[in-house]
Amino acid sequence: MEGGRIVRAYCYDGAGGDVPLRLGEPTEIERPLGVGHRGLEEGWENWHDSDWDDWHAAMPHEEHVMAIARHWGICPLDIPEAPPVDEGIYGFPAGAD
């Protein structure tokens, strides 16, 4: 986000093999990784195996996602796991029935 406006969003559904969201241009970290620049282009219904191989090679996997997150500021793998302090917090917020 920049100034409250989304400038880059990308979602690859590995289970379904789809890119349901692609907004903005790939960022400076995505370009050298070679990911985040493709969706299902027009004519995909007629793709051959080699076309699908190229497409799948351009899809991000977990290592890419973590590298991008780290570059953007925080990677979930870098967050130290805090030991549990007790049974946790449970209940309803004030004013809830």
N, C-alpha and C. Protein backbone atom coordinates (compact mmCIF):
# COMPACT_ATOMS: atom_id res chain seq x y z
N MET A 1 0.84 -1.18 0.00
CA MET A 1 0.00 0.00 0.00
C MET A 1 0.88 1.23 0.00
N GLU A 2 0.40 2.22 -0.68
CA GLU A 2 1.04 3.53 -0.67
C GLU A 2 -0.05 4.58 -0.57
N GLY A 3 0.01 5.39 0.45
CA GLY A 3 -1.00 6.42 0.64
C GLY A 3 -2.40 5.87 0.75
N GLY A 4 -2.55 4.69 1.37
CA GLY A 4 -3.85 4.08 1.55
C GLY A 4 -4.39 3.39 0.30
N ARG A 5 -3.59 3.30 -0.75
CA ARG A 5 -3.99 2.68 -2.01
C ARG A 5 -3.20 1.40 -2.24
N ILE A 6 -3.87 0.33 -2.60
CA ILE A 6 -3.18 -0.93 -2.91
C ILE A 6 -2.48 -0.75 -4.24
N VAL A 7 -1.16 -0.96 -4.24
CA VAL A 7 -0.40 -0.84 -5.49
C VAL A 7 0.07 -2.19 -6.01
N ARG A 8 0.06 -3.21 -5.14
CA ARG A 8 0.48 -4.54 -5.57
C ARG A 8 -0.25 -5.60 -4.77
N ALA A 9 -0.87 -6.51 -5.46
CA ALA A 9 -1.52 -7.67 -4.84
C ALA A 9 -1.42 -8.82 -5.83
N TYR A 10 -1.10 -9.98 -5.31
CA TYR A 10 -0.96 -11.16 -6.17
C TYR A 10 -1.34 -12.37 -5.36
N CYS A 11 -2.16 -13.23 -5.93
CA CYS A 11 -2.58 -14.44 -5.24
C CYS A 11 -2.52 -15.60 -6.20
N TYR A 12 -1.76 -16.62 -5.83
CA TYR A 12 -1.69 -17.85 -6.61
C TYR A 12 -2.28 -18.96 -5.75
N ASP A 13 -3.30 -19.63 -6.27
CA ASP A 13 -3.93 -20.75 -5.59
C ASP A 13 -3.31 -22.02 -6.13
N GLY A 14 -2.32 -22.54 -5.41
CA GLY A 14 -1.61 -23.74 -5.85
C GLY A 14 -2.49 -24.96 -5.93
N ALA A 15 -3.48 -25.06 -5.05
CA ALA A 15 -4.37 -26.22 -5.06
C ALA A 15 -5.25 -26.22 -6.31
N GLY A 16 -5.73 -25.06 -6.68
CA GLY A 16 -6.60 -24.97 -7.84
C GLY A 16 -5.88 -24.60 -9.11
N GLY A 17 -4.59 -24.21 -9.00
CA GLY A 17 -3.83 -23.82 -10.17
C GLY A 17 -4.36 -22.58 -10.85
N ASP A 18 -4.69 -21.57 -10.03
CA ASP A 18 -5.30 -20.36 -10.57
C ASP A 18 -4.62 -19.15 -9.95
N VAL A 19 -4.73 -18.02 -10.64
CA VAL A 19 -4.27 -16.73 -10.13
C VAL A 19 -5.49 -15.83 -10.07
N PRO A 20 -6.26 -15.91 -8.95
CA PRO A 20 -7.50 -15.14 -8.88
C PRO A 20 -7.31 -13.64 -8.66
N LEU A 21 -6.08 -13.22 -8.31
CA LEU A 21 -5.84 -11.80 -8.06
C LEU A 21 -4.46 -11.43 -8.57
N ARG A 22 -4.42 -10.43 -9.42
CA ARG A 22 -3.15 -9.90 -9.91
C ARG A 22 -3.35 -8.42 -10.18
N LEU A 23 -2.78 -7.60 -9.32
CA LEU A 23 -2.95 -6.16 -9.40
C LEU A 23 -1.58 -5.50 -9.33
N GLY A 24 -1.32 -4.58 -10.21
CA GLY A 24 -0.06 -3.86 -10.20
C GLY A 24 1.07 -4.65 -10.83
N GLU A 25 2.22 -4.02 -10.90
CA GLU A 25 3.40 -4.63 -11.51
C GLU A 25 4.22 -5.39 -10.48
N PRO A 26 4.92 -6.46 -10.92
CA PRO A 26 5.80 -7.16 -9.99
C PRO A 26 6.81 -6.19 -9.36
N THR A 27 7.13 -6.43 -8.11
CA THR A 27 8.03 -5.55 -7.37
C THR A 27 9.48 -5.91 -7.62
N GLU A 28 10.38 -5.09 -7.08
CA GLU A 28 11.81 -5.29 -7.30
C GLU A 28 12.31 -6.62 -6.78
N ILE A 29 11.65 -7.23 -5.82
CA ILE A 29 12.06 -8.55 -5.33
C ILE A 29 11.44 -9.67 -6.17
N GLU A 30 10.25 -9.47 -6.70
CA GLU A 30 9.60 -10.50 -7.50
C GLU A 30 10.29 -10.71 -8.85
N ARG A 31 10.74 -9.62 -9.46
CA ARG A 31 11.34 -9.73 -10.80
C ARG A 31 12.54 -10.66 -10.84
N PRO A 32 13.55 -10.50 -9.96
CA PRO A 32 14.69 -11.43 -10.04
C PRO A 32 14.32 -12.87 -9.66
N LEU A 33 13.28 -13.04 -8.85
CA LEU A 33 12.83 -14.38 -8.50
C LEU A 33 12.06 -15.03 -9.66
N GLY A 34 11.61 -14.19 -10.60
CA GLY A 34 10.88 -14.70 -11.76
C GLY A 34 9.46 -15.13 -11.46
N VAL A 35 8.87 -14.56 -10.41
CA VAL A 35 7.51 -14.94 -10.03
C VAL A 35 6.62 -13.70 -9.95
N GLY A 36 5.32 -13.94 -9.94
CA GLY A 36 4.37 -12.85 -9.74
C GLY A 36 4.04 -12.06 -10.98
N HIS A 37 4.45 -12.54 -12.15
CA HIS A 37 4.19 -11.75 -13.35
C HIS A 37 3.20 -12.40 -14.31
N ARG A 38 2.72 -13.57 -13.97
CA ARG A 38 1.80 -14.25 -14.90
C ARG A 38 0.48 -14.61 -14.23
N GLY A 39 -0.56 -14.54 -15.02
CA GLY A 39 -1.86 -15.06 -14.67
C GLY A 39 -2.22 -16.05 -15.76
N LEU A 40 -3.47 -16.36 -15.90
CA LEU A 40 -3.88 -17.20 -17.02
C LEU A 40 -4.14 -16.27 -18.20
N GLU A 41 -3.24 -16.31 -19.15
CA GLU A 41 -3.34 -15.43 -20.30
C GLU A 41 -4.42 -15.94 -21.27
N GLU A 42 -4.84 -15.05 -22.12
CA GLU A 42 -5.82 -15.41 -23.13
C GLU A 42 -5.30 -16.58 -23.96
N GLY A 43 -6.16 -17.51 -24.25
CA GLY A 43 -5.78 -18.67 -25.05
C GLY A 43 -5.24 -19.83 -24.24
N TRP A 44 -5.28 -19.73 -22.92
CA TRP A 44 -4.71 -20.79 -22.07
C TRP A 44 -5.38 -22.14 -22.32
N GLU A 45 -6.60 -22.11 -22.81
CA GLU A 45 -7.32 -23.37 -23.07
C GLU A 45 -6.61 -24.23 -24.11
N ASN A 46 -5.79 -23.59 -24.94
CA ASN A 46 -5.09 -24.29 -26.01
C ASN A 46 -3.62 -24.53 -25.72
N TRP A 47 -3.21 -24.30 -24.49
CA TRP A 47 -1.80 -24.48 -24.14
C TRP A 47 -1.40 -25.95 -24.24
N HIS A 48 -0.14 -26.15 -24.59
CA HIS A 48 0.46 -27.49 -24.63
C HIS A 48 1.21 -27.71 -23.32
N ASP A 49 1.70 -28.90 -23.11
CA ASP A 49 2.43 -29.22 -21.87
C ASP A 49 3.58 -28.26 -21.62
N SER A 50 4.31 -27.88 -22.65
CA SER A 50 5.44 -26.97 -22.47
C SER A 50 4.97 -25.59 -22.00
N ASP A 51 3.81 -25.14 -22.49
CA ASP A 51 3.25 -23.86 -22.03
C ASP A 51 2.90 -23.93 -20.55
N TRP A 52 2.30 -25.05 -20.14
CA TRP A 52 1.94 -25.22 -18.73
C TRP A 52 3.19 -25.33 -17.87
N ASP A 53 4.23 -26.00 -18.37
CA ASP A 53 5.49 -26.09 -17.62
C ASP A 53 6.07 -24.70 -17.39
N ASP A 54 6.07 -23.86 -18.43
CA ASP A 54 6.57 -22.49 -18.28
C ASP A 54 5.73 -21.70 -17.29
N TRP A 55 4.41 -21.88 -17.37
CA TRP A 55 3.51 -21.14 -16.48
C TRP A 55 3.74 -21.55 -15.03
N HIS A 56 3.82 -22.87 -14.78
CA HIS A 56 4.04 -23.34 -13.41
C HIS A 56 5.40 -22.91 -12.88
N ALA A 57 6.40 -22.82 -13.73
CA ALA A 57 7.72 -22.36 -13.30
C ALA A 57 7.70 -20.90 -12.85
N ALA A 58 6.73 -20.13 -13.35
CA ALA A 58 6.62 -18.71 -12.99
C ALA A 58 5.73 -18.48 -11.77
N MET A 59 5.20 -19.55 -11.17
CA MET A 59 4.34 -19.41 -10.00
C MET A 59 5.20 -19.47 -8.74
N PRO A 60 4.89 -18.63 -7.76
CA PRO A 60 5.67 -18.61 -6.52
C PRO A 60 5.41 -19.84 -5.67
N HIS A 61 6.44 -20.28 -4.95
CA HIS A 61 6.26 -21.33 -3.96
C HIS A 61 6.65 -20.74 -2.61
N GLU A 62 6.60 -21.54 -1.58
CA GLU A 62 6.76 -21.02 -0.21
C GLU A 62 8.07 -20.26 -0.02
N GLU A 63 9.16 -20.76 -0.57
CA GLU A 63 10.44 -20.04 -0.41
C GLU A 63 10.37 -18.65 -1.03
N HIS A 64 9.71 -18.53 -2.18
CA HIS A 64 9.55 -17.22 -2.80
C HIS A 64 8.73 -16.29 -1.91
N VAL A 65 7.62 -16.82 -1.40
CA VAL A 65 6.72 -16.01 -0.57
C VAL A 65 7.46 -15.49 0.66
N MET A 66 8.25 -16.34 1.30
CA MET A 66 8.99 -15.91 2.50
C MET A 66 10.08 -14.90 2.15
N ALA A 67 10.74 -15.08 1.02
CA ALA A 67 11.77 -14.11 0.59
C ALA A 67 11.13 -12.75 0.29
N ILE A 68 9.98 -12.78 -0.35
CA ILE A 68 9.28 -11.52 -0.65
C ILE A 68 8.83 -10.86 0.65
N ALA A 69 8.25 -11.63 1.56
CA ALA A 69 7.81 -11.07 2.85
C ALA A 69 8.99 -10.47 3.61
N ARG A 70 10.12 -11.15 3.61
CA ARG A 70 11.32 -10.65 4.30
C ARG A 70 11.77 -9.33 3.67
N HIS A 71 11.76 -9.28 2.35
CA HIS A 71 12.18 -8.06 1.65
C HIS A 71 11.21 -6.91 1.93
N TRP A 72 9.92 -7.22 2.03
CA TRP A 72 8.93 -6.19 2.27
C TRP A 72 8.89 -5.73 3.72
N GLY A 73 9.54 -6.47 4.62
CA GLY A 73 9.60 -5.99 5.99
C GLY A 73 9.51 -7.04 7.06
N ILE A 74 8.71 -8.08 6.88
CA ILE A 74 8.61 -9.08 7.94
C ILE A 74 8.25 -10.44 7.34
N CYS A 75 9.02 -11.43 7.74
CA CYS A 75 8.78 -12.79 7.28
C CYS A 75 8.24 -13.59 8.46
N PRO A 76 7.15 -14.29 8.30
CA PRO A 76 6.60 -15.08 9.41
C PRO A 76 7.61 -16.05 10.02
N LEU A 77 8.55 -16.53 9.22
CA LEU A 77 9.55 -17.46 9.76
C LEU A 77 10.54 -16.79 10.70
N ASP A 78 10.64 -15.45 10.62
CA ASP A 78 11.59 -14.71 11.46
C ASP A 78 10.98 -14.26 12.79
N ILE A 79 9.71 -14.47 12.98
CA ILE A 79 9.05 -14.05 14.23
C ILE A 79 9.31 -15.12 15.27
N PRO A 80 9.99 -14.75 16.34
CA PRO A 80 10.26 -15.76 17.37
C PRO A 80 8.96 -16.24 18.01
N GLU A 81 8.91 -17.52 18.24
CA GLU A 81 7.72 -18.09 18.86
C GLU A 81 7.80 -17.86 20.37
N ALA A 82 6.82 -17.15 20.88
CA ALA A 82 6.79 -16.86 22.31
C ALA A 82 6.21 -18.07 23.04
N PRO A 83 6.78 -18.39 24.17
CA PRO A 83 6.22 -19.50 24.95
C PRO A 83 4.84 -19.11 25.48
N PRO A 84 3.94 -20.07 25.61
CA PRO A 84 2.62 -19.75 26.16
C PRO A 84 2.76 -19.24 27.60
N VAL A 85 1.98 -18.21 27.91
CA VAL A 85 2.08 -17.61 29.23
C VAL A 85 1.08 -18.20 30.22
N ASP A 86 -0.04 -18.64 29.77
CA ASP A 86 -1.03 -19.31 30.63
C ASP A 86 -2.09 -19.91 29.72
N GLU A 87 -3.31 -19.92 30.14
CA GLU A 87 -4.37 -20.55 29.36
C GLU A 87 -4.89 -19.68 28.22
N GLY A 88 -4.42 -18.47 28.12
CA GLY A 88 -4.86 -17.59 27.05
C GLY A 88 -5.99 -16.69 27.47
N ILE A 89 -6.55 -16.00 26.51
CA ILE A 89 -7.64 -15.07 26.74
C ILE A 89 -8.88 -15.63 26.07
N TYR A 90 -9.97 -15.64 26.79
CA TYR A 90 -11.20 -16.13 26.21
C TYR A 90 -12.35 -15.34 26.79
N GLY A 91 -13.48 -15.38 26.10
CA GLY A 91 -14.66 -14.64 26.56
C GLY A 91 -15.16 -13.73 25.46
N PHE A 92 -16.01 -12.80 25.85
CA PHE A 92 -16.60 -11.86 24.92
C PHE A 92 -16.10 -10.47 25.23
N PRO A 93 -15.96 -9.63 24.19
CA PRO A 93 -15.56 -8.25 24.45
C PRO A 93 -16.67 -7.50 25.17
N ALA A 94 -16.31 -6.43 25.82
CA ALA A 94 -17.28 -5.63 26.56
C ALA A 94 -18.43 -5.21 25.64
N GLY A 95 -19.65 -5.35 26.12
CA GLY A 95 -20.82 -4.95 25.35
C GLY A 95 -21.40 -6.05 24.49
N ALA A 96 -20.72 -7.18 24.39
CA ALA A 96 -21.24 -8.30 23.57
C ALA A 96 -22.10 -9.19 24.44
N ASP A 97 -23.13 -9.72 23.86
CA ASP A 97 -24.00 -10.66 24.59
C ASP A 97 -23.53 -12.07 24.43
